[in-house]
């Protein structure tokens, strides 16, 4: 799951304001565990791993109001493809049914917001969710760096174009 730094800080603000201490502890522990495992993997290895989103609890998104744009863009229309992708994570040829109009509109939204933020001097790189949340929690100056238009996460490299939008045509 790719996120932008602005989304990371919005999610963390929501968690801090809305979650009980026990819920925060659970989420942060899962973030750190997932990050430790994912950080050691190459991108090609990461896409073939099933890692539970730390923001899910009992199968439900706990940050739905502030969920990342990547989550907003993908609307599956059949559970079959999703289930098959989960059961066969190494099979990258599975093409789950989804609502392409929603996906394309979301991609256009991401590109428009990214262009505006880039023009304003902000970091618009896409980062892996767990690693970015972990970095924001572990690096005290991350938010200040972002707000000062500097690279927010010293230990992470991001990609300018999230992989989920690589196949969007003009």
N, C-alpha and C. Protein backbone atom coordinates (compact mmCIF):
# COMPACT_ATOMS: atom_id res chain seq x y z
N UNK A 1 0.85 -1.17 0.00
CA UNK A 1 0.00 0.00 0.00
C UNK A 1 0.90 1.23 0.00
N UNK A 2 0.69 2.09 -0.97
CA UNK A 2 1.46 3.33 -1.06
C UNK A 2 0.70 4.48 -0.41
N UNK A 3 1.46 5.35 0.24
CA UNK A 3 0.89 6.56 0.86
C UNK A 3 1.84 7.73 0.62
N UNK A 4 1.30 8.90 0.67
CA UNK A 4 2.09 10.12 0.63
C UNK A 4 2.32 10.57 2.08
N UNK A 5 3.35 11.36 2.30
CA UNK A 5 3.67 11.83 3.66
C UNK A 5 2.48 12.57 4.28
N UNK A 6 1.80 13.39 3.50
CA UNK A 6 0.64 14.12 4.03
C UNK A 6 -0.42 13.15 4.57
N UNK A 7 -0.61 12.02 3.88
CA UNK A 7 -1.57 11.02 4.33
C UNK A 7 -1.11 10.36 5.63
N UNK A 8 0.18 10.11 5.74
CA UNK A 8 0.74 9.49 6.94
C UNK A 8 0.43 10.35 8.16
N UNK A 9 0.69 11.63 8.06
CA UNK A 9 0.46 12.51 9.21
C UNK A 9 -1.02 12.67 9.52
N UNK A 10 -1.87 12.66 8.49
CA UNK A 10 -3.32 12.72 8.72
C UNK A 10 -3.79 11.46 9.45
N UNK A 11 -3.29 10.30 9.03
CA UNK A 11 -3.65 9.04 9.69
C UNK A 11 -3.19 9.05 11.14
N UNK A 12 -1.94 9.45 11.39
CA UNK A 12 -1.43 9.47 12.76
C UNK A 12 -2.21 10.44 13.64
N UNK A 13 -2.59 11.60 13.11
CA UNK A 13 -3.41 12.54 13.88
C UNK A 13 -4.75 11.90 14.24
N UNK A 14 -5.36 11.21 13.29
CA UNK A 14 -6.64 10.55 13.53
C UNK A 14 -6.50 9.48 14.60
N UNK A 15 -5.47 8.67 14.50
CA UNK A 15 -5.23 7.61 15.49
C UNK A 15 -5.04 8.23 16.87
N UNK A 16 -4.22 9.25 16.97
CA UNK A 16 -3.96 9.89 18.26
C UNK A 16 -5.23 10.49 18.88
N UNK A 17 -6.09 11.04 18.05
CA UNK A 17 -7.30 11.70 18.55
C UNK A 17 -8.46 10.75 18.79
N UNK A 18 -8.50 9.63 18.09
CA UNK A 18 -9.70 8.78 18.10
C UNK A 18 -9.55 7.43 18.77
N UNK A 19 -8.33 6.94 18.93
CA UNK A 19 -8.13 5.59 19.43
C UNK A 19 -7.87 5.58 20.93
N UNK A 20 -8.25 4.48 21.55
CA UNK A 20 -7.92 4.29 22.97
C UNK A 20 -6.42 3.98 23.07
N UNK A 21 -5.84 4.11 24.24
CA UNK A 21 -4.43 3.74 24.39
C UNK A 21 -4.15 2.30 23.95
N UNK A 22 -5.07 1.39 24.23
CA UNK A 22 -4.89 -0.01 23.83
C UNK A 22 -4.91 -0.16 22.31
N UNK A 23 -5.85 0.54 21.65
CA UNK A 23 -5.92 0.47 20.19
C UNK A 23 -4.66 1.06 19.55
N UNK A 24 -4.19 2.18 20.09
CA UNK A 24 -2.96 2.79 19.57
C UNK A 24 -1.79 1.82 19.73
N UNK A 25 -1.69 1.19 20.88
CA UNK A 25 -0.59 0.26 21.12
C UNK A 25 -0.63 -0.89 20.13
N UNK A 26 -1.83 -1.43 19.85
CA UNK A 26 -1.98 -2.52 18.89
C UNK A 26 -1.54 -2.08 17.50
N UNK A 27 -2.04 -0.94 17.04
CA UNK A 27 -1.71 -0.44 15.70
C UNK A 27 -0.21 -0.19 15.58
N UNK A 28 0.36 0.51 16.55
CA UNK A 28 1.79 0.85 16.47
C UNK A 28 2.67 -0.39 16.54
N UNK A 29 2.27 -1.39 17.32
CA UNK A 29 3.04 -2.63 17.38
C UNK A 29 2.99 -3.35 16.02
N UNK A 30 1.82 -3.39 15.40
CA UNK A 30 1.70 -4.03 14.08
C UNK A 30 2.47 -3.25 13.02
N UNK A 31 2.42 -1.92 13.09
CA UNK A 31 3.18 -1.08 12.14
C UNK A 31 4.66 -1.41 12.24
N UNK A 32 5.17 -1.45 13.46
CA UNK A 32 6.60 -1.69 13.65
C UNK A 32 7.00 -3.11 13.20
N UNK A 33 6.18 -4.09 13.50
CA UNK A 33 6.47 -5.47 13.08
C UNK A 33 6.43 -5.60 11.56
N UNK A 34 5.41 -5.04 10.94
CA UNK A 34 5.31 -5.09 9.48
C UNK A 34 6.47 -4.35 8.82
N UNK A 35 6.79 -3.19 9.35
CA UNK A 35 7.87 -2.39 8.79
C UNK A 35 9.20 -3.12 8.87
N UNK A 36 9.47 -3.74 9.99
CA UNK A 36 10.73 -4.48 10.16
C UNK A 36 10.86 -5.58 9.12
N UNK A 37 9.76 -6.24 8.82
CA UNK A 37 9.80 -7.31 7.83
C UNK A 37 9.87 -6.75 6.41
N UNK A 38 9.08 -5.75 6.10
CA UNK A 38 9.01 -5.22 4.74
C UNK A 38 10.24 -4.42 4.34
N UNK A 39 10.85 -3.76 5.29
CA UNK A 39 12.01 -2.91 5.01
C UNK A 39 13.17 -3.71 4.41
N UNK A 40 13.24 -4.98 4.74
CA UNK A 40 14.33 -5.83 4.26
C UNK A 40 14.08 -6.40 2.87
N UNK A 41 12.88 -6.20 2.33
CA UNK A 41 12.51 -6.81 1.06
C UNK A 41 12.65 -5.83 -0.11
N UNK A 42 12.98 -6.38 -1.25
CA UNK A 42 12.96 -5.61 -2.49
C UNK A 42 11.50 -5.39 -2.88
N UNK A 43 11.24 -4.38 -3.70
CA UNK A 43 9.89 -4.09 -4.15
C UNK A 43 9.23 -5.32 -4.77
N UNK A 44 9.97 -6.06 -5.58
CA UNK A 44 9.41 -7.25 -6.23
C UNK A 44 9.01 -8.31 -5.20
N UNK A 45 9.72 -8.37 -4.08
CA UNK A 45 9.37 -9.33 -3.03
C UNK A 45 8.17 -8.84 -2.22
N UNK A 46 8.10 -7.53 -2.00
CA UNK A 46 7.00 -6.97 -1.21
C UNK A 46 5.63 -7.23 -1.81
N UNK A 47 5.55 -7.15 -3.15
CA UNK A 47 4.24 -7.31 -3.79
C UNK A 47 3.73 -8.74 -3.72
N UNK A 48 4.59 -9.68 -3.36
CA UNK A 48 4.15 -11.08 -3.26
C UNK A 48 3.98 -11.51 -1.81
N UNK A 49 3.93 -10.58 -0.90
CA UNK A 49 3.71 -10.89 0.53
C UNK A 49 2.33 -10.42 0.95
N UNK A 50 1.69 -11.24 1.73
CA UNK A 50 0.43 -10.84 2.34
C UNK A 50 0.72 -10.31 3.74
N UNK A 51 0.54 -9.04 3.91
CA UNK A 51 0.77 -8.41 5.20
C UNK A 51 -0.53 -7.75 5.61
N UNK A 52 -1.02 -8.12 6.77
CA UNK A 52 -2.27 -7.53 7.27
C UNK A 52 -2.06 -6.04 7.51
N UNK A 53 -2.97 -5.26 7.01
CA UNK A 53 -2.91 -3.82 7.26
C UNK A 53 -3.08 -3.58 8.75
N UNK A 54 -2.18 -2.81 9.37
CA UNK A 54 -2.30 -2.56 10.81
C UNK A 54 -3.51 -1.71 11.17
N UNK A 55 -4.12 -1.10 10.17
CA UNK A 55 -5.26 -0.24 10.42
C UNK A 55 -6.59 -0.98 10.33
N UNK A 56 -6.53 -2.29 10.06
CA UNK A 56 -7.72 -3.13 10.07
C UNK A 56 -7.89 -3.74 11.46
N UNK A 57 -9.11 -3.79 11.91
CA UNK A 57 -9.43 -4.46 13.16
C UNK A 57 -10.71 -5.25 12.92
N UNK A 58 -10.62 -6.55 13.11
CA UNK A 58 -11.76 -7.45 12.86
C UNK A 58 -12.28 -7.25 11.44
N UNK A 59 -11.35 -7.09 10.48
CA UNK A 59 -11.72 -6.97 9.08
C UNK A 59 -12.25 -5.63 8.64
N UNK A 60 -12.22 -4.65 9.51
CA UNK A 60 -12.76 -3.32 9.18
C UNK A 60 -11.69 -2.27 9.28
N UNK A 61 -11.77 -1.28 8.41
CA UNK A 61 -10.82 -0.18 8.41
C UNK A 61 -11.14 0.75 9.59
N UNK A 62 -10.15 0.97 10.43
CA UNK A 62 -10.35 1.80 11.61
C UNK A 62 -10.07 3.28 11.33
N UNK A 63 -9.55 3.57 10.14
CA UNK A 63 -9.25 4.97 9.77
C UNK A 63 -9.99 5.33 8.48
N UNK A 64 -11.14 4.75 8.28
CA UNK A 64 -11.86 4.89 7.02
C UNK A 64 -12.00 6.36 6.60
N UNK A 65 -12.28 7.24 7.54
CA UNK A 65 -12.49 8.66 7.22
C UNK A 65 -11.24 9.30 6.62
N UNK A 66 -10.06 8.79 6.98
CA UNK A 66 -8.79 9.37 6.51
C UNK A 66 -7.94 8.34 5.77
N UNK A 67 -8.58 7.29 5.26
CA UNK A 67 -7.84 6.23 4.57
C UNK A 67 -7.06 6.82 3.39
N UNK A 68 -5.95 6.18 3.05
CA UNK A 68 -5.13 6.68 1.95
C UNK A 68 -5.88 6.65 0.62
N UNK A 69 -5.44 7.50 -0.29
CA UNK A 69 -6.05 7.55 -1.61
C UNK A 69 -5.96 6.21 -2.32
N UNK A 70 -4.88 5.47 -2.10
CA UNK A 70 -4.75 4.16 -2.73
C UNK A 70 -5.91 3.24 -2.33
N UNK A 71 -6.35 3.33 -1.09
CA UNK A 71 -7.49 2.52 -0.64
C UNK A 71 -8.79 3.03 -1.26
N UNK A 72 -8.91 4.33 -1.41
CA UNK A 72 -10.12 4.91 -1.98
C UNK A 72 -10.29 4.55 -3.45
N UNK A 73 -9.19 4.33 -4.14
CA UNK A 73 -9.24 4.14 -5.60
C UNK A 73 -9.63 2.76 -6.04
N UNK A 74 -9.45 1.77 -5.21
CA UNK A 74 -9.65 0.40 -5.66
C UNK A 74 -10.95 -0.15 -5.10
N UNK A 75 -11.95 -0.26 -5.96
CA UNK A 75 -13.26 -0.77 -5.55
C UNK A 75 -13.50 -2.10 -6.26
N UNK A 76 -13.24 -3.19 -5.55
CA UNK A 76 -13.44 -4.52 -6.13
C UNK A 76 -14.93 -4.75 -6.35
N UNK A 77 -15.24 -5.39 -7.46
CA UNK A 77 -16.64 -5.71 -7.76
C UNK A 77 -16.94 -7.19 -7.60
N UNK A 78 -15.91 -7.97 -7.28
CA UNK A 78 -16.08 -9.40 -7.05
C UNK A 78 -15.04 -9.87 -6.05
N UNK A 79 -15.48 -10.66 -5.08
CA UNK A 79 -14.57 -11.16 -4.07
C UNK A 79 -13.67 -12.27 -4.62
N UNK A 80 -14.04 -12.88 -5.73
CA UNK A 80 -13.29 -14.01 -6.27
C UNK A 80 -11.84 -13.62 -6.58
N UNK A 81 -11.65 -12.55 -7.33
CA UNK A 81 -10.30 -12.12 -7.68
C UNK A 81 -9.50 -11.69 -6.47
N UNK A 82 -10.13 -11.02 -5.54
CA UNK A 82 -9.44 -10.60 -4.32
C UNK A 82 -8.99 -11.82 -3.52
N UNK A 83 -9.88 -12.79 -3.39
CA UNK A 83 -9.55 -14.01 -2.65
C UNK A 83 -8.40 -14.75 -3.33
N UNK A 84 -8.47 -14.87 -4.66
CA UNK A 84 -7.41 -15.55 -5.40
C UNK A 84 -6.08 -14.81 -5.24
N UNK A 85 -6.09 -13.50 -5.29
CA UNK A 85 -4.86 -12.71 -5.10
C UNK A 85 -4.28 -12.94 -3.71
N UNK A 86 -5.15 -13.06 -2.72
CA UNK A 86 -4.68 -13.30 -1.36
C UNK A 86 -4.09 -14.71 -1.22
N UNK A 87 -4.77 -15.68 -1.81
CA UNK A 87 -4.33 -17.07 -1.69
C UNK A 87 -3.11 -17.38 -2.55
N UNK A 88 -2.90 -16.60 -3.61
CA UNK A 88 -1.77 -16.81 -4.52
C UNK A 88 -0.99 -15.50 -4.70
N UNK A 89 -0.38 -14.98 -3.64
CA UNK A 89 0.26 -13.66 -3.74
C UNK A 89 1.38 -13.58 -4.76
N UNK A 90 2.00 -14.71 -5.10
CA UNK A 90 3.08 -14.71 -6.08
C UNK A 90 2.56 -14.64 -7.51
N UNK A 91 1.26 -14.87 -7.72
CA UNK A 91 0.66 -14.84 -9.05
C UNK A 91 0.24 -13.41 -9.37
N UNK A 92 1.10 -12.69 -10.08
CA UNK A 92 0.85 -11.29 -10.40
C UNK A 92 0.00 -11.12 -11.64
N UNK A 93 -0.45 -12.24 -12.24
CA UNK A 93 -1.28 -12.18 -13.44
C UNK A 93 -2.77 -12.14 -13.13
N UNK A 94 -3.12 -12.26 -11.87
CA UNK A 94 -4.54 -12.22 -11.49
C UNK A 94 -5.02 -10.79 -11.66
N UNK A 95 -6.12 -10.63 -12.35
CA UNK A 95 -6.67 -9.31 -12.60
C UNK A 95 -8.05 -9.23 -11.96
N UNK A 96 -8.11 -8.88 -10.67
CA UNK A 96 -9.41 -8.84 -10.00
C UNK A 96 -10.34 -7.82 -10.67
N UNK A 97 -11.61 -8.13 -10.69
CA UNK A 97 -12.59 -7.19 -11.23
C UNK A 97 -12.69 -5.99 -10.30
N UNK A 98 -12.67 -4.81 -10.88
CA UNK A 98 -12.82 -3.60 -10.09
C UNK A 98 -13.55 -2.56 -10.93
N UNK A 99 -13.94 -1.48 -10.32
CA UNK A 99 -14.65 -0.42 -11.01
C UNK A 99 -13.64 0.51 -11.67
N UNK A 100 -13.38 0.34 -12.97
CA UNK A 100 -12.32 1.11 -13.62
C UNK A 100 -12.55 2.62 -13.59
N UNK A 101 -13.79 3.06 -13.64
CA UNK A 101 -14.06 4.50 -13.59
C UNK A 101 -13.61 5.11 -12.27
N UNK A 102 -13.87 4.41 -11.19
CA UNK A 102 -13.44 4.89 -9.88
C UNK A 102 -11.91 4.91 -9.81
N UNK A 103 -11.31 3.86 -10.32
CA UNK A 103 -9.84 3.74 -10.32
C UNK A 103 -9.21 4.88 -11.13
N UNK A 104 -9.74 5.16 -12.31
CA UNK A 104 -9.19 6.22 -13.15
C UNK A 104 -9.43 7.59 -12.55
N UNK A 105 -10.61 7.81 -12.00
CA UNK A 105 -10.88 9.10 -11.36
C UNK A 105 -9.97 9.30 -10.16
N UNK A 106 -9.75 8.25 -9.39
CA UNK A 106 -8.83 8.33 -8.26
C UNK A 106 -7.42 8.62 -8.70
N UNK A 107 -6.99 7.99 -9.80
CA UNK A 107 -5.66 8.25 -10.33
C UNK A 107 -5.50 9.69 -10.76
N UNK A 108 -6.53 10.23 -11.39
CA UNK A 108 -6.49 11.64 -11.81
C UNK A 108 -6.43 12.55 -10.58
N UNK A 109 -7.16 12.20 -9.52
CA UNK A 109 -7.14 12.98 -8.29
C UNK A 109 -5.74 12.98 -7.68
N UNK A 110 -5.13 11.80 -7.59
CA UNK A 110 -3.78 11.68 -7.03
C UNK A 110 -2.81 12.55 -7.83
N UNK A 111 -2.89 12.46 -9.15
CA UNK A 111 -1.98 13.24 -9.98
C UNK A 111 -2.20 14.74 -9.81
N UNK A 112 -3.45 15.18 -9.71
CA UNK A 112 -3.74 16.61 -9.55
C UNK A 112 -3.23 17.13 -8.21
N UNK A 113 -3.52 16.40 -7.14
CA UNK A 113 -3.06 16.81 -5.81
C UNK A 113 -1.53 16.79 -5.77
N UNK A 114 -0.94 15.75 -6.35
CA UNK A 114 0.52 15.65 -6.36
C UNK A 114 1.14 16.82 -7.11
N UNK A 115 0.57 17.18 -8.24
CA UNK A 115 1.11 18.30 -9.02
C UNK A 115 1.03 19.60 -8.22
N UNK A 116 -0.08 19.83 -7.55
CA UNK A 116 -0.23 21.05 -6.75
C UNK A 116 0.76 21.06 -5.59
N UNK A 117 0.91 19.92 -4.91
CA UNK A 117 1.85 19.86 -3.78
C UNK A 117 3.28 19.99 -4.27
N UNK A 118 3.60 19.34 -5.39
CA UNK A 118 4.95 19.43 -5.96
C UNK A 118 5.26 20.88 -6.32
N UNK A 119 4.30 21.56 -6.96
CA UNK A 119 4.48 22.96 -7.33
C UNK A 119 4.69 23.85 -6.11
N UNK A 120 4.08 23.46 -4.99
CA UNK A 120 4.23 24.23 -3.74
C UNK A 120 5.51 23.85 -3.00
N UNK A 121 6.24 22.83 -3.50
CA UNK A 121 7.51 22.45 -2.91
C UNK A 121 7.47 21.31 -1.91
N UNK A 122 6.33 20.63 -1.79
CA UNK A 122 6.20 19.54 -0.83
C UNK A 122 6.61 18.20 -1.43
N UNK A 123 7.02 17.29 -0.57
CA UNK A 123 7.35 15.93 -0.97
C UNK A 123 6.07 15.22 -1.39
N UNK A 124 6.08 14.66 -2.59
CA UNK A 124 4.92 13.92 -3.08
C UNK A 124 5.26 12.47 -3.40
N UNK A 125 6.40 12.02 -2.92
CA UNK A 125 6.78 10.63 -3.14
C UNK A 125 5.80 9.70 -2.47
N UNK A 126 5.67 8.51 -3.05
CA UNK A 126 4.84 7.47 -2.48
C UNK A 126 5.73 6.54 -1.66
N UNK A 127 5.28 6.23 -0.45
CA UNK A 127 6.03 5.37 0.47
C UNK A 127 5.16 4.19 0.85
N UNK A 128 5.80 3.08 1.21
CA UNK A 128 5.06 1.92 1.70
C UNK A 128 4.43 2.31 3.04
N UNK A 129 3.16 2.00 3.21
CA UNK A 129 2.37 2.42 4.38
C UNK A 129 3.04 2.12 5.71
N UNK A 130 3.37 0.86 5.96
CA UNK A 130 3.93 0.47 7.26
C UNK A 130 5.26 1.17 7.53
N UNK A 131 6.11 1.19 6.52
CA UNK A 131 7.44 1.80 6.68
C UNK A 131 7.32 3.31 6.92
N UNK A 132 6.39 3.96 6.23
CA UNK A 132 6.21 5.40 6.40
C UNK A 132 5.61 5.72 7.77
N UNK A 133 4.63 4.94 8.21
CA UNK A 133 4.07 5.16 9.54
C UNK A 133 5.13 4.95 10.62
N UNK A 134 5.93 3.89 10.46
CA UNK A 134 7.01 3.61 11.41
C UNK A 134 8.02 4.76 11.43
N UNK A 135 8.39 5.24 10.25
CA UNK A 135 9.35 6.35 10.18
C UNK A 135 8.78 7.60 10.85
N UNK A 136 7.52 7.90 10.60
CA UNK A 136 6.89 9.09 11.21
C UNK A 136 6.84 8.97 12.73
N UNK A 137 6.62 7.74 13.22
CA UNK A 137 6.59 7.52 14.67
C UNK A 137 7.99 7.54 15.27
N UNK A 138 8.98 7.11 14.51
CA UNK A 138 10.34 6.96 15.03
C UNK A 138 11.23 8.19 14.85
N UNK A 139 10.91 9.01 13.87
CA UNK A 139 11.73 10.18 13.57
C UNK A 139 11.00 11.43 14.08
N UNK A 140 11.42 11.96 15.22
CA UNK A 140 10.71 13.10 15.81
C UNK A 140 10.56 14.31 14.88
N UNK A 141 11.50 14.54 13.99
CA UNK A 141 11.43 15.71 13.12
C UNK A 141 10.74 15.49 11.80
N UNK A 142 10.14 14.31 11.59
CA UNK A 142 9.55 13.99 10.28
C UNK A 142 8.47 14.99 9.87
N UNK A 143 7.54 15.27 10.75
CA UNK A 143 6.46 16.20 10.40
C UNK A 143 7.00 17.60 10.14
N UNK A 144 7.91 18.04 10.99
CA UNK A 144 8.50 19.38 10.81
C UNK A 144 9.25 19.46 9.48
N UNK A 145 9.96 18.40 9.14
CA UNK A 145 10.65 18.38 7.84
C UNK A 145 9.64 18.50 6.70
N UNK A 146 8.57 17.73 6.78
CA UNK A 146 7.55 17.79 5.73
C UNK A 146 6.97 19.20 5.62
N UNK A 147 6.59 19.76 6.77
CA UNK A 147 5.98 21.09 6.76
C UNK A 147 6.97 22.16 6.29
N UNK A 148 8.25 21.90 6.44
CA UNK A 148 9.30 22.83 5.96
C UNK A 148 9.70 22.53 4.51
N UNK A 149 8.96 21.63 3.88
CA UNK A 149 9.18 21.26 2.48
C UNK A 149 10.50 20.53 2.27
N UNK A 150 10.89 19.77 3.29
CA UNK A 150 12.07 18.91 3.21
C UNK A 150 11.62 17.46 3.14
N UNK A 151 12.54 16.58 2.81
CA UNK A 151 12.23 15.14 2.79
C UNK A 151 11.87 14.72 4.22
N UNK A 152 10.68 14.17 4.42
CA UNK A 152 10.23 13.89 5.79
C UNK A 152 10.88 12.67 6.45
N UNK A 153 11.17 11.64 5.66
CA UNK A 153 11.63 10.38 6.24
C UNK A 153 13.07 10.12 5.80
N UNK A 154 13.99 10.23 6.73
CA UNK A 154 15.41 10.12 6.38
C UNK A 154 15.80 8.72 5.94
N UNK A 155 15.16 7.71 6.47
CA UNK A 155 15.56 6.34 6.17
C UNK A 155 14.79 5.69 5.03
N UNK A 156 13.90 6.42 4.37
CA UNK A 156 13.08 5.82 3.32
C UNK A 156 13.30 6.52 1.99
N UNK A 157 13.22 5.73 0.96
CA UNK A 157 13.19 6.34 -0.38
C UNK A 157 11.80 6.10 -0.92
N UNK A 158 11.25 7.10 -1.53
CA UNK A 158 9.92 6.96 -2.10
C UNK A 158 9.98 6.99 -3.60
N UNK A 159 8.86 6.65 -4.19
CA UNK A 159 8.75 6.70 -5.65
C UNK A 159 7.78 7.80 -6.01
N UNK A 160 8.11 8.51 -7.09
CA UNK A 160 7.26 9.62 -7.48
C UNK A 160 5.90 9.18 -7.98
N UNK A 161 5.83 8.07 -8.72
CA UNK A 161 4.56 7.58 -9.26
C UNK A 161 4.23 6.25 -8.61
N UNK A 162 3.15 6.18 -7.83
CA UNK A 162 2.78 4.90 -7.23
C UNK A 162 2.54 3.86 -8.30
N UNK A 163 2.95 2.66 -8.03
CA UNK A 163 2.85 1.56 -9.01
C UNK A 163 1.42 1.34 -9.48
N UNK A 164 0.44 1.59 -8.63
CA UNK A 164 -0.94 1.30 -9.04
C UNK A 164 -1.42 2.22 -10.16
N UNK A 165 -0.68 3.32 -10.43
CA UNK A 165 -1.11 4.24 -11.49
C UNK A 165 -0.21 4.16 -12.72
N UNK A 166 0.77 3.28 -12.73
CA UNK A 166 1.68 3.17 -13.87
C UNK A 166 0.95 2.85 -15.17
N UNK A 167 -0.15 2.12 -15.08
CA UNK A 167 -0.82 1.70 -16.31
C UNK A 167 -1.93 2.64 -16.75
N UNK A 168 -2.08 3.77 -16.09
CA UNK A 168 -3.11 4.72 -16.50
C UNK A 168 -2.63 5.47 -17.73
N UNK A 169 -3.43 5.47 -18.74
CA UNK A 169 -3.06 6.19 -19.96
C UNK A 169 -3.44 7.64 -19.88
N UNK A 170 -2.96 8.44 -20.85
CA UNK A 170 -3.30 9.87 -20.87
C UNK A 170 -4.77 10.09 -21.19
